[in-house]
Protein backbone atom coordinates (compact mmCIF):
# COMPACT_ATOMS: atom_id res chain seq x y z
CA MET A 1 0.00 0.00 0.00
CA ILE A 2 2.82 2.41 0.88
CA GLN A 3 4.61 1.65 -2.40
CA ARG A 4 1.41 2.29 -4.38
CA LYS A 5 0.95 5.64 -2.64
CA LYS A 6 4.52 6.60 -3.58
CA ILE A 7 3.84 5.74 -7.21
CA ILE A 8 0.61 7.74 -7.26
CA LEU A 9 2.45 10.66 -5.65
CA MET A 10 5.15 10.56 -8.33
CA ALA A 11 2.53 10.54 -11.08
CA ALA A 12 0.72 13.49 -9.47
CA LEU A 13 4.02 15.32 -9.12
CA GLY A 14 4.70 14.84 -12.82
CA GLY A 15 1.34 16.38 -13.68
CA ALA A 16 1.97 19.26 -11.29
CA VAL A 17 5.37 19.95 -12.87
CA ILE A 18 3.82 20.08 -16.35
CA GLY A 19 1.14 22.45 -15.08
CA ALA A 20 3.72 24.69 -13.43
CA VAL A 21 5.85 24.84 -16.57
CA ALA A 22 2.79 25.69 -18.62
CA SER A 23 1.92 28.53 -16.22
CA VAL A 24 5.46 29.95 -16.35
CA LEU A 25 5.55 29.84 -20.13
CA ALA A 26 2.16 31.48 -20.34
CA SER A 27 3.26 34.26 -17.97
CA HIS A 28 6.24 34.99 -20.26
CA GLY A 29 4.16 35.72 -23.31
CA LEU A 30 3.22 32.37 -24.79
CA ALA A 31 -0.35 33.01 -23.73
CA GLU A 32 -0.48 35.50 -26.59
CA ILE A 33 -0.47 32.66 -29.11
CA ASP A 34 -3.14 30.92 -27.05
CA ALA A 35 -1.14 27.66 -26.94
CA PHE A 36 -2.67 26.81 -23.61
CA GLY A 37 -6.21 27.77 -24.45
CA ALA A 38 -9.02 25.21 -24.50
CA ASP A 39 -9.44 23.34 -27.77
CA LYS A 40 -13.19 23.78 -28.09
CA ALA A 41 -13.23 22.20 -31.54
CA LEU A 42 -12.06 18.97 -29.89
CA THR A 43 -14.19 18.99 -26.76
CA ALA A 44 -17.35 19.65 -28.78
CA HIS A 45 -17.26 16.06 -30.08
CA TYR A 46 -18.49 13.07 -28.06
CA GLN A 47 -15.58 10.95 -29.35
CA TYR A 48 -13.19 12.94 -27.18
CA MET A 49 -15.14 12.21 -24.02
CA ALA A 50 -15.57 8.58 -25.07
CA ALA A 51 -11.79 8.25 -25.46
CA MET A 52 -11.27 9.43 -21.88
CA ILE A 53 -13.98 7.06 -20.64
CA GLY A 54 -12.08 4.20 -22.30
CA TRP A 55 -9.04 4.95 -20.12
CA VAL A 56 -11.22 5.19 -17.01
CA LEU A 57 -12.75 1.78 -17.75
CA PHE A 58 -9.28 0.36 -18.24
CA SER A 59 -8.14 1.72 -14.87
CA ILE A 60 -11.20 0.35 -13.05
CA TYR A 61 -10.83 -3.11 -14.57
CA TRP A 62 -7.10 -3.21 -13.78
CA GLU A 63 -7.69 -2.26 -10.15
CA ILE A 64 -10.27 -5.01 -9.75
CA ALA A 65 -8.18 -7.64 -11.57
CA ALA A 66 -5.06 -6.78 -9.55
CA LYS A 67 -6.66 -8.20 -6.41
CA SER A 68 -6.37 -11.74 -7.79
CA ALA A 69 -2.62 -11.56 -8.53
CA ALA A 70 -0.31 -14.02 -6.79
CA ALA A 71 2.28 -12.95 -4.23
CA ALA A 72 5.59 -11.76 -5.65
CA LYS A 73 8.82 -13.64 -5.05
CA SER A 74 10.96 -10.84 -6.46
CA SER A 75 10.21 -7.47 -8.04
CA GLU A 76 11.76 -4.34 -9.48
CA SER A 77 12.60 -1.42 -7.22
CA SER A 78 9.96 1.15 -6.35
CA GLY A 79 12.13 3.76 -8.10
CA SER A 80 12.13 1.82 -11.37
CA ARG A 81 8.38 1.29 -11.15
CA GLY A 82 7.91 4.97 -10.36
CA VAL A 83 9.82 5.99 -13.50
CA HIS A 84 7.48 3.88 -15.64
CA VAL A 85 4.33 5.21 -13.97
CA LEU A 86 5.56 8.79 -14.33
CA LEU A 87 6.37 8.38 -18.04
CA THR A 88 3.08 6.69 -18.92
CA ASN A 89 1.00 9.22 -16.97
CA VAL A 90 2.79 12.18 -18.54
CA ALA A 91 2.26 10.54 -21.95
CA LEU A 92 -1.47 10.15 -21.31
CA LEU A 93 -1.76 13.69 -19.98
CA LEU A 94 -0.18 15.05 -23.17
CA GLU A 95 -2.57 12.98 -25.25
CA ILE A 96 -5.84 13.91 -23.58
CA ALA A 97 -5.20 17.50 -22.44
CA PRO A 98 -7.83 19.54 -24.37
CA ILE A 99 -5.52 22.46 -25.19
CA ARG A 100 -4.32 23.90 -28.49
CA GLY A 101 -0.70 23.20 -27.61
CA LEU A 102 1.55 22.86 -30.66
CA GLY A 103 -1.31 22.70 -33.12
CA ARG A 104 -2.74 19.79 -35.07
CA PHE A 105 -1.30 17.11 -37.33
CA MET A 106 -4.85 16.20 -38.31
CA ALA A 107 -8.02 18.26 -38.63
CA VAL A 108 -10.97 17.69 -36.33
CA ALA A 109 -13.25 15.33 -38.24
CA PRO A 110 -15.94 13.09 -36.70
CA LEU A 111 -15.15 10.17 -39.02
CA ILE A 112 -11.43 10.22 -38.17
CA MET A 113 -12.17 10.61 -34.47
CA THR A 114 -14.54 7.64 -34.60
CA ALA A 115 -11.84 5.57 -36.29
CA GLY A 116 -9.41 6.54 -33.52
CA LEU A 117 -11.99 5.56 -30.93
CA ALA A 118 -12.35 2.15 -32.61
CA VAL A 119 -8.55 1.68 -32.51
CA GLU A 120 -8.52 2.57 -28.82
CA ALA A 121 -11.35 0.09 -28.15
CA LEU A 122 -9.47 -2.68 -29.96
CA GLY A 123 -6.41 -1.96 -27.83
CA LEU A 124 -8.50 -2.12 -24.67
CA LEU A 125 -10.04 -5.45 -25.67
CA LEU A 126 -6.62 -6.91 -26.50
CA ALA A 127 -5.20 -5.78 -23.15
CA ILE A 128 -8.14 -7.32 -21.26
CA TRP A 129 -7.93 -10.57 -23.28
CA ALA A 130 -4.22 -10.87 -22.52
CA ARG A 131 -4.74 -9.96 -18.86
CA ARG A 132 -7.29 -12.76 -18.44
CA HIS A 133 -4.87 -15.32 -19.90
CA LEU A 134 -2.06 -14.07 -17.67
CA GLY A 135 -4.23 -14.62 -14.60
CA ARG A 136 -2.43 -14.69 -11.25
CA ASN A 137 0.94 -14.18 -12.97
CA TRP A 138 0.08 -10.56 -13.77
CA SER A 139 1.60 -7.59 -11.97
CA GLY A 140 1.77 -3.89 -12.69
CA GLU A 141 5.43 -3.94 -11.74
CA ILE A 142 8.09 -6.29 -13.05
CA THR A 143 7.89 -9.32 -10.76
CA ILE A 144 8.46 -13.03 -10.58
CA LYS A 145 5.53 -14.59 -8.75
CA GLU A 146 5.40 -17.53 -6.41
CA ASP A 147 4.95 -20.59 -8.68
CA HIS A 148 5.29 -18.31 -11.70
CA GLN A 149 4.22 -19.86 -15.01
CA LEU A 150 5.28 -18.97 -18.53
CA ILE A 151 1.93 -18.34 -20.25
CA ARG A 152 1.61 -19.34 -23.91
CA SER A 153 -2.16 -19.33 -24.41
CA GLY A 154 -4.38 -16.74 -26.08
CA PRO A 155 -2.40 -13.82 -27.55
CA TYR A 156 0.72 -15.15 -25.80
CA LYS A 157 0.95 -17.76 -28.56
CA TRP A 158 2.25 -15.01 -30.84
CA LEU A 159 3.21 -12.05 -28.63
CA ARG A 160 5.32 -11.95 -25.50
CA HIS A 161 3.82 -8.67 -24.31
CA PRO A 162 0.27 -8.42 -25.70
CA ILE A 163 -0.90 -6.25 -22.79
CA TYR A 164 1.67 -3.64 -23.80
CA THR A 165 0.57 -4.02 -27.42
CA GLY A 166 -2.98 -3.30 -26.31
CA LEU A 167 -1.98 -0.30 -24.22
CA LEU A 168 0.15 1.23 -26.96
CA THR A 169 -2.74 0.68 -29.37
CA MET A 170 -4.91 2.64 -26.95
CA TYR A 171 -2.36 5.46 -27.01
CA VAL A 172 -2.39 5.40 -30.83
CA GLY A 173 -6.18 5.49 -30.92
CA THR A 174 -6.33 8.40 -28.47
CA ALA A 175 -3.78 10.33 -30.53
CA ILE A 176 -5.98 9.86 -33.61
CA VAL A 177 -9.02 11.07 -31.68
CA THR A 178 -7.35 14.27 -30.49
CA GLY A 179 -5.21 14.89 -33.57
CA GLU A 180 -2.78 17.09 -31.60
CA TRP A 181 0.99 17.25 -32.00
CA LEU A 182 1.18 17.03 -28.22
CA ALA A 183 -0.55 13.67 -28.50
CA LEU A 184 2.18 12.39 -30.81
CA ILE A 185 4.80 13.50 -28.29
CA GLY A 186 2.85 11.64 -25.64
CA LEU A 187 2.76 8.56 -27.86
CA MET A 188 6.54 8.66 -28.27
CA ILE A 189 6.99 8.94 -24.50
CA ALA A 190 4.68 5.95 -23.99
CA ALA A 191 6.58 3.93 -26.61
CA PHE A 192 9.86 4.68 -24.83
CA ALA A 193 8.35 3.73 -21.46
CA TYR A 194 7.21 0.33 -22.71
CA TRP A 195 10.43 -0.30 -24.65
CA ARG A 196 12.29 0.27 -21.38
CA LYS A 197 9.91 -1.98 -19.46
CA ILE A 198 10.16 -4.79 -22.04
CA ARG A 199 13.96 -4.81 -21.76
CA LEU A 200 13.82 -5.03 -17.97
CA GLU A 201 11.02 -7.60 -17.93
CA GLU A 202 12.63 -9.91 -20.46
CA ALA A 203 15.90 -9.83 -18.54
CA SER A 204 13.98 -10.85 -15.41
CA LEU A 205 12.09 -13.63 -17.18
CA ASN A 206 15.28 -14.91 -18.76
CA VAL A 207 16.81 -15.30 -15.30
CA ALA A 208 13.67 -17.03 -14.00
CA PHE A 209 13.06 -19.45 -16.91
CA GLY A 210 16.44 -19.69 -18.67
CA THR A 211 16.47 -21.80 -21.85
CA GLU A 212 12.68 -22.21 -21.73
CA TYR A 213 12.24 -18.46 -22.12
CA ASP A 214 14.93 -18.29 -24.82
CA ALA A 215 12.99 -20.84 -26.86
CA TYR A 216 9.72 -18.96 -26.31
CA ARG A 217 11.33 -15.67 -27.33
CA ARG A 218 12.70 -17.15 -30.56
CA GLY A 219 9.23 -18.34 -31.57
CA THR A 220 7.28 -15.15 -30.80
CA TRP A 221 7.24 -11.40 -31.36
CA ALA A 222 7.53 -8.83 -28.60
CA LEU A 223 4.71 -6.48 -29.63
CA VAL A 224 3.76 -6.62 -33.30
CA PRO A 225 3.87 -9.80 -35.44
CA GLY A 226 6.34 -9.47 -38.30
CA LEU A 227 7.67 -6.14 -37.07
CA PHE A 228 8.95 -6.20 -33.50
């Protein structure tokens, strides 16, 4: 419980820092270009609100599912976990903040926003599907559980990290919904966060399972079949 509070505090601190920087920049004249003004063209569409609801549903499901996880035998440090939580929360904040920011890479269009919402929904479904197959072996932090099993069912037949594939797909979908350059920056931060986590997690699993994990890794993809 204490560790979770520290992680939440770090995430909140990251958001506060971004807000403070935005205020300082605005006070030094950037407010004149209205970079931090509300993007009313975006918030006027239901797809934007639906995209945020998708992330809320994800958070609620993950909190409920976490209660069934097995006890950890070993885990990453709270500092390492905190770095990941901070990066992913900053990434999401950049994606969903309804401000003009750096402008748009894509015009506000209901059809495009609906397509982005569909991509986000597919990512959410993939993450939930993978989470159900992972069962008691799941953890938000990098851990080796008591009686840890190497899961190869469901999406784990083809992907070693399908939950991360689902989450990154959600980030992609949200970026399409908002169409902001800030959202693309957020997406890049999220991609870096999960690239970092995959490296650490695979090193941990390699120690735990040895040649069995090597064989599994040679026969699967990390995130995207045929690409990575």
